[in-house]
Amino acid sequence: MTKRILIKTVWSCLILVGLFMLTSNASFFASLLSALGLAAFSFLLVDLFVLPRATNALATMIDAVLAYLFIWALAANNGWSMTLPEVLTITLVLTVFEYFYHDWLIKNGIQRDRQMKVE
């Protein structure tokens, strides 16, 4: 499990910190903390709870909505200069990563739980 969370954290932080700093006036530290928060929340909610019980497509859609709301709230509350297209672009890039990350999780040992299926 350590390898799975480490991979998600590193890649999410690379994607998010770079795009936050590129598209807004966010500092490196604020971007890093935000990326770590989103990666941890997403891992706990989607990767450990939803993905074992649902399809990759559904888990990825939930990740996209979660990422959009999280990024939008961060930008609004921290005074970051992000426009709606920039928030959507960051969400799209992160969603593409999440799709392939979920695919990797499914192929490399995530325990599927069919007792409580979500569709």
N, C-alpha and C. Protein backbone atom coordinates (compact mmCIF):
# COMPACT_ATOMS: atom_id res chain seq x y z
N MET A 1 0.82 -1.19 0.00
CA MET A 1 0.00 0.00 0.00
C MET A 1 0.87 1.26 0.00
N THR A 2 2.02 1.20 0.62
CA THR A 2 2.90 2.36 0.67
C THR A 2 3.32 2.78 -0.74
N LYS A 3 3.62 1.79 -1.60
CA LYS A 3 4.02 2.10 -2.97
C LYS A 3 2.88 2.80 -3.72
N ARG A 4 1.65 2.34 -3.49
CA ARG A 4 0.50 2.94 -4.20
C ARG A 4 0.28 4.39 -3.80
N ILE A 5 0.33 4.68 -2.51
CA ILE A 5 0.11 6.06 -2.07
C ILE A 5 1.29 6.94 -2.48
N LEU A 6 2.48 6.39 -2.47
CA LEU A 6 3.67 7.16 -2.86
C LEU A 6 3.60 7.55 -4.34
N ILE A 7 3.23 6.60 -5.19
CA ILE A 7 3.11 6.89 -6.62
C ILE A 7 2.05 7.96 -6.87
N LYS A 8 0.90 7.82 -6.23
CA LYS A 8 -0.16 8.81 -6.43
C LYS A 8 0.28 10.18 -5.92
N THR A 9 0.90 10.22 -4.76
CA THR A 9 1.31 11.49 -4.17
C THR A 9 2.35 12.19 -5.04
N VAL A 10 3.36 11.46 -5.47
CA VAL A 10 4.42 12.08 -6.28
C VAL A 10 3.87 12.61 -7.60
N TRP A 11 3.13 11.79 -8.32
CA TRP A 11 2.63 12.22 -9.62
C TRP A 11 1.59 13.32 -9.50
N SER A 12 0.70 13.21 -8.52
CA SER A 12 -0.29 14.27 -8.31
C SER A 12 0.39 15.59 -7.98
N CYS A 13 1.39 15.53 -7.11
CA CYS A 13 2.11 16.76 -6.74
C CYS A 13 2.85 17.35 -7.93
N LEU A 14 3.48 16.52 -8.73
CA LEU A 14 4.17 17.04 -9.93
C LEU A 14 3.19 17.74 -10.86
N ILE A 15 2.07 17.11 -11.09
CA ILE A 15 1.07 17.68 -12.00
C ILE A 15 0.47 18.96 -11.40
N LEU A 16 -0.01 18.85 -10.17
CA LEU A 16 -0.74 19.97 -9.58
C LEU A 16 0.14 21.17 -9.24
N VAL A 17 1.28 20.93 -8.63
CA VAL A 17 2.15 22.05 -8.26
C VAL A 17 2.58 22.80 -9.52
N GLY A 18 2.97 22.07 -10.54
CA GLY A 18 3.37 22.73 -11.78
C GLY A 18 2.24 23.54 -12.40
N LEU A 19 1.06 22.95 -12.47
CA LEU A 19 -0.05 23.66 -13.10
C LEU A 19 -0.59 24.80 -12.23
N PHE A 20 -0.61 24.61 -10.91
CA PHE A 20 -1.05 25.71 -10.02
C PHE A 20 -0.14 26.91 -10.18
N MET A 21 1.17 26.67 -10.19
CA MET A 21 2.11 27.77 -10.28
C MET A 21 2.13 28.39 -11.69
N LEU A 22 1.85 27.57 -12.70
CA LEU A 22 1.83 28.07 -14.07
C LEU A 22 0.59 28.92 -14.36
N THR A 23 -0.54 28.52 -13.80
CA THR A 23 -1.80 29.18 -14.16
C THR A 23 -2.30 30.21 -13.15
N SER A 24 -1.62 30.35 -12.01
CA SER A 24 -2.12 31.29 -11.01
C SER A 24 -0.96 31.95 -10.28
N ASN A 25 -1.31 32.73 -9.30
CA ASN A 25 -0.31 33.40 -8.48
C ASN A 25 -0.01 32.63 -7.19
N ALA A 26 -0.26 31.33 -7.19
CA ALA A 26 -0.03 30.49 -6.01
C ALA A 26 1.46 30.31 -5.77
N SER A 27 1.83 30.30 -4.50
CA SER A 27 3.23 30.05 -4.15
C SER A 27 3.52 28.55 -4.22
N PHE A 28 4.80 28.21 -4.20
CA PHE A 28 5.19 26.80 -4.24
C PHE A 28 4.65 26.06 -3.01
N PHE A 29 4.81 26.65 -1.84
CA PHE A 29 4.38 25.99 -0.60
C PHE A 29 2.86 25.79 -0.59
N ALA A 30 2.10 26.80 -0.97
CA ALA A 30 0.63 26.67 -1.01
C ALA A 30 0.22 25.63 -2.04
N SER A 31 0.89 25.62 -3.17
CA SER A 31 0.59 24.63 -4.21
C SER A 31 0.89 23.22 -3.72
N LEU A 32 2.03 23.04 -3.05
CA LEU A 32 2.42 21.73 -2.56
C LEU A 32 1.45 21.23 -1.49
N LEU A 33 1.09 22.09 -0.54
CA LEU A 33 0.13 21.68 0.50
C LEU A 33 -1.23 21.33 -0.10
N SER A 34 -1.66 22.10 -1.07
CA SER A 34 -2.93 21.83 -1.74
C SER A 34 -2.90 20.51 -2.49
N ALA A 35 -1.80 20.26 -3.19
CA ALA A 35 -1.66 19.02 -3.94
C ALA A 35 -1.62 17.81 -3.00
N LEU A 36 -0.90 17.93 -1.90
CA LEU A 36 -0.85 16.85 -0.91
C LEU A 36 -2.23 16.58 -0.32
N GLY A 37 -2.96 17.64 -0.02
CA GLY A 37 -4.31 17.49 0.53
C GLY A 37 -5.25 16.80 -0.43
N LEU A 38 -5.23 17.21 -1.69
CA LEU A 38 -6.10 16.59 -2.68
C LEU A 38 -5.71 15.14 -2.93
N ALA A 39 -4.42 14.86 -3.01
CA ALA A 39 -3.97 13.48 -3.24
C ALA A 39 -4.39 12.57 -2.09
N ALA A 40 -4.22 13.03 -0.86
CA ALA A 40 -4.59 12.21 0.30
C ALA A 40 -6.10 11.99 0.36
N PHE A 41 -6.87 13.05 0.17
CA PHE A 41 -8.33 12.94 0.23
C PHE A 41 -8.85 12.03 -0.88
N SER A 42 -8.32 12.20 -2.07
CA SER A 42 -8.73 11.38 -3.21
C SER A 42 -8.36 9.92 -3.00
N PHE A 43 -7.16 9.68 -2.47
CA PHE A 43 -6.74 8.30 -2.23
C PHE A 43 -7.66 7.62 -1.22
N LEU A 44 -7.96 8.31 -0.14
CA LEU A 44 -8.80 7.71 0.90
C LEU A 44 -10.23 7.50 0.42
N LEU A 45 -10.79 8.47 -0.25
CA LEU A 45 -12.19 8.37 -0.66
C LEU A 45 -12.38 7.51 -1.90
N VAL A 46 -11.65 7.80 -2.95
CA VAL A 46 -11.90 7.15 -4.23
C VAL A 46 -11.12 5.84 -4.38
N ASP A 47 -9.82 5.89 -4.16
CA ASP A 47 -8.98 4.72 -4.44
C ASP A 47 -9.19 3.59 -3.44
N LEU A 48 -9.45 3.91 -2.19
CA LEU A 48 -9.65 2.86 -1.19
C LEU A 48 -11.10 2.47 -0.98
N PHE A 49 -12.03 3.39 -1.27
CA PHE A 49 -13.44 3.08 -1.02
C PHE A 49 -14.24 2.81 -2.30
N VAL A 50 -14.16 3.71 -3.27
CA VAL A 50 -15.00 3.58 -4.46
C VAL A 50 -14.43 2.57 -5.46
N LEU A 51 -13.16 2.69 -5.81
CA LEU A 51 -12.57 1.84 -6.86
C LEU A 51 -12.71 0.34 -6.60
N PRO A 52 -12.52 -0.15 -5.37
CA PRO A 52 -12.69 -1.60 -5.18
C PRO A 52 -14.13 -2.08 -5.40
N ARG A 53 -15.09 -1.17 -5.37
CA ARG A 53 -16.50 -1.55 -5.47
C ARG A 53 -17.15 -1.13 -6.79
N ALA A 54 -16.42 -0.38 -7.61
CA ALA A 54 -17.01 0.17 -8.83
C ALA A 54 -16.06 0.00 -10.01
N THR A 55 -16.46 0.53 -11.13
CA THR A 55 -15.62 0.46 -12.33
C THR A 55 -14.61 1.60 -12.33
N ASN A 56 -13.62 1.47 -13.17
CA ASN A 56 -12.61 2.52 -13.33
C ASN A 56 -13.27 3.81 -13.82
N ALA A 57 -14.22 3.69 -14.72
CA ALA A 57 -14.88 4.88 -15.27
C ALA A 57 -15.61 5.66 -14.18
N LEU A 58 -16.34 4.98 -13.34
CA LEU A 58 -17.07 5.65 -12.26
C LEU A 58 -16.10 6.27 -11.26
N ALA A 59 -15.07 5.55 -10.88
CA ALA A 59 -14.09 6.09 -9.95
C ALA A 59 -13.38 7.31 -10.54
N THR A 60 -13.10 7.28 -11.82
CA THR A 60 -12.44 8.41 -12.48
C THR A 60 -13.37 9.62 -12.54
N MET A 61 -14.66 9.40 -12.80
CA MET A 61 -15.61 10.51 -12.81
C MET A 61 -15.73 11.14 -11.43
N ILE A 62 -15.76 10.32 -10.39
CA ILE A 62 -15.82 10.85 -9.03
C ILE A 62 -14.55 11.63 -8.72
N ASP A 63 -13.41 11.12 -9.14
CA ASP A 63 -12.14 11.84 -8.97
C ASP A 63 -12.17 13.19 -9.67
N ALA A 64 -12.74 13.23 -10.87
CA ALA A 64 -12.80 14.49 -11.63
C ALA A 64 -13.67 15.52 -10.92
N VAL A 65 -14.82 15.10 -10.44
CA VAL A 65 -15.71 16.03 -9.72
C VAL A 65 -15.04 16.51 -8.44
N LEU A 66 -14.44 15.59 -7.71
CA LEU A 66 -13.74 15.94 -6.48
C LEU A 66 -12.60 16.92 -6.76
N ALA A 67 -11.82 16.66 -7.79
CA ALA A 67 -10.70 17.54 -8.14
C ALA A 67 -11.20 18.92 -8.53
N TYR A 68 -12.24 18.97 -9.35
CA TYR A 68 -12.78 20.27 -9.78
C TYR A 68 -13.24 21.08 -8.58
N LEU A 69 -14.03 20.46 -7.70
CA LEU A 69 -14.55 21.19 -6.54
C LEU A 69 -13.42 21.63 -5.61
N PHE A 70 -12.45 20.77 -5.41
CA PHE A 70 -11.32 21.08 -4.54
C PHE A 70 -10.49 22.24 -5.11
N ILE A 71 -10.18 22.17 -6.39
CA ILE A 71 -9.37 23.21 -7.03
C ILE A 71 -10.13 24.53 -7.09
N TRP A 72 -11.40 24.47 -7.42
CA TRP A 72 -12.22 25.68 -7.48
C TRP A 72 -12.29 26.34 -6.10
N ALA A 73 -12.51 25.55 -5.05
CA ALA A 73 -12.58 26.10 -3.69
C ALA A 73 -11.24 26.70 -3.27
N LEU A 74 -10.16 26.01 -3.60
CA LEU A 74 -8.83 26.54 -3.27
C LEU A 74 -8.58 27.88 -3.97
N ALA A 75 -8.87 27.92 -5.25
CA ALA A 75 -8.62 29.14 -6.02
C ALA A 75 -9.48 30.29 -5.49
N ALA A 76 -10.72 30.02 -5.17
CA ALA A 76 -11.63 31.06 -4.69
C ALA A 76 -11.24 31.55 -3.30
N ASN A 77 -10.91 30.64 -2.41
CA ASN A 77 -10.63 31.02 -1.03
C ASN A 77 -9.23 31.55 -0.79
N ASN A 78 -8.29 31.21 -1.66
CA ASN A 78 -6.92 31.69 -1.50
C ASN A 78 -6.59 32.89 -2.37
N GLY A 79 -7.55 33.33 -3.15
CA GLY A 79 -7.32 34.49 -4.01
C GLY A 79 -6.41 34.19 -5.18
N TRP A 80 -6.34 32.92 -5.59
CA TRP A 80 -5.51 32.58 -6.74
C TRP A 80 -6.18 33.10 -8.00
N SER A 81 -5.38 33.54 -8.93
CA SER A 81 -5.88 34.14 -10.16
C SER A 81 -6.15 33.08 -11.23
N MET A 82 -7.06 32.17 -10.94
CA MET A 82 -7.39 31.11 -11.90
C MET A 82 -8.75 31.38 -12.53
N THR A 83 -8.81 31.20 -13.83
CA THR A 83 -10.08 31.32 -14.53
C THR A 83 -10.72 29.94 -14.62
N LEU A 84 -11.99 29.92 -15.01
CA LEU A 84 -12.70 28.65 -15.15
C LEU A 84 -12.01 27.71 -16.16
N PRO A 85 -11.59 28.19 -17.33
CA PRO A 85 -10.88 27.28 -18.25
C PRO A 85 -9.60 26.70 -17.65
N GLU A 86 -8.90 27.47 -16.83
CA GLU A 86 -7.68 26.95 -16.20
C GLU A 86 -8.01 25.87 -15.18
N VAL A 87 -9.06 26.09 -14.39
CA VAL A 87 -9.49 25.06 -13.42
C VAL A 87 -9.91 23.79 -14.16
N LEU A 88 -10.65 23.95 -15.24
CA LEU A 88 -11.08 22.78 -16.02
C LEU A 88 -9.90 22.06 -16.67
N THR A 89 -8.91 22.81 -17.13
CA THR A 89 -7.73 22.20 -17.74
C THR A 89 -6.95 21.38 -16.71
N ILE A 90 -6.76 21.94 -15.53
CA ILE A 90 -6.06 21.21 -14.47
C ILE A 90 -6.84 19.96 -14.10
N THR A 91 -8.15 20.09 -14.00
CA THR A 91 -9.00 18.94 -13.68
C THR A 91 -8.88 17.87 -14.75
N LEU A 92 -8.89 18.26 -16.02
CA LEU A 92 -8.77 17.30 -17.12
C LEU A 92 -7.43 16.56 -17.09
N VAL A 93 -6.35 17.30 -16.89
CA VAL A 93 -5.02 16.67 -16.85
C VAL A 93 -4.95 15.69 -15.68
N LEU A 94 -5.44 16.09 -14.52
CA LEU A 94 -5.43 15.20 -13.37
C LEU A 94 -6.33 13.99 -13.58
N THR A 95 -7.45 14.17 -14.25
CA THR A 95 -8.38 13.06 -14.51
C THR A 95 -7.75 12.03 -15.44
N VAL A 96 -7.02 12.47 -16.44
CA VAL A 96 -6.33 11.53 -17.33
C VAL A 96 -5.32 10.71 -16.53
N PHE A 97 -4.55 11.37 -15.67
CA PHE A 97 -3.62 10.64 -14.81
C PHE A 97 -4.37 9.64 -13.93
N GLU A 98 -5.48 10.06 -13.33
CA GLU A 98 -6.24 9.17 -12.43
C GLU A 98 -6.76 7.94 -13.16
N TYR A 99 -7.19 8.10 -14.41
CA TYR A 99 -7.68 6.95 -15.17
C TYR A 99 -6.59 5.88 -15.29
N PHE A 100 -5.40 6.31 -15.69
CA PHE A 100 -4.30 5.35 -15.84
C PHE A 100 -3.80 4.83 -14.49
N TYR A 101 -3.86 5.66 -13.47
CA TYR A 101 -3.49 5.23 -12.12
C TYR A 101 -4.47 4.16 -11.62
N HIS A 102 -5.76 4.37 -11.84
CA HIS A 102 -6.75 3.36 -11.44
C HIS A 102 -6.53 2.06 -12.20
N ASP A 103 -6.25 2.18 -13.48
CA ASP A 103 -5.98 0.99 -14.30
C ASP A 103 -4.78 0.21 -13.73
N TRP A 104 -3.74 0.94 -13.36
CA TRP A 104 -2.56 0.31 -12.76
C TRP A 104 -2.92 -0.35 -11.42
N LEU A 105 -3.74 0.33 -10.61
CA LEU A 105 -4.16 -0.25 -9.33
C LEU A 105 -4.93 -1.55 -9.53
N ILE A 106 -5.82 -1.56 -10.49
CA ILE A 106 -6.63 -2.75 -10.76
C ILE A 106 -5.74 -3.91 -11.20
N LYS A 107 -4.76 -3.63 -12.05
CA LYS A 107 -3.87 -4.69 -12.54
C LYS A 107 -2.85 -5.14 -11.52
N ASN A 108 -2.54 -4.29 -10.54
CA ASN A 108 -1.48 -4.60 -9.59
C ASN A 108 -1.96 -4.77 -8.16
N GLY A 109 -3.05 -5.48 -8.02
CA GLY A 109 -3.37 -5.98 -6.70
C GLY A 109 -4.35 -5.24 -5.83
N ILE A 110 -5.12 -4.30 -6.37
CA ILE A 110 -6.15 -3.72 -5.51
C ILE A 110 -7.20 -4.80 -5.26
N GLN A 111 -7.61 -4.91 -4.04
CA GLN A 111 -8.59 -5.94 -3.66
C GLN A 111 -9.98 -5.50 -4.11
N ARG A 112 -10.56 -6.25 -5.03
CA ARG A 112 -11.90 -5.93 -5.52
C ARG A 112 -12.93 -6.44 -4.52
N ASP A 113 -13.92 -5.64 -4.19
CA ASP A 113 -14.96 -5.99 -3.22
C ASP A 113 -16.29 -6.01 -3.94
N ARG A 114 -16.76 -7.19 -4.26
CA ARG A 114 -18.01 -7.33 -5.01
C ARG A 114 -19.22 -7.48 -4.09
N GLN A 115 -19.03 -7.50 -2.79
CA GLN A 115 -20.16 -7.63 -1.87
C GLN A 115 -21.01 -6.36 -1.88
N MET A 116 -20.37 -5.23 -2.05
CA MET A 116 -21.07 -3.96 -2.05
C MET A 116 -20.72 -3.23 -3.34
N LYS A 117 -21.39 -3.53 -4.42
CA LYS A 117 -21.08 -2.98 -5.72
C LYS A 117 -21.78 -1.64 -5.92
N VAL A 118 -21.06 -0.67 -6.45
CA VAL A 118 -21.60 0.64 -6.75
C VAL A 118 -21.64 0.79 -8.26
N GLU A 119 -22.80 1.12 -8.80
CA GLU A 119 -22.93 1.33 -10.25
C GLU A 119 -23.76 2.53 -10.55
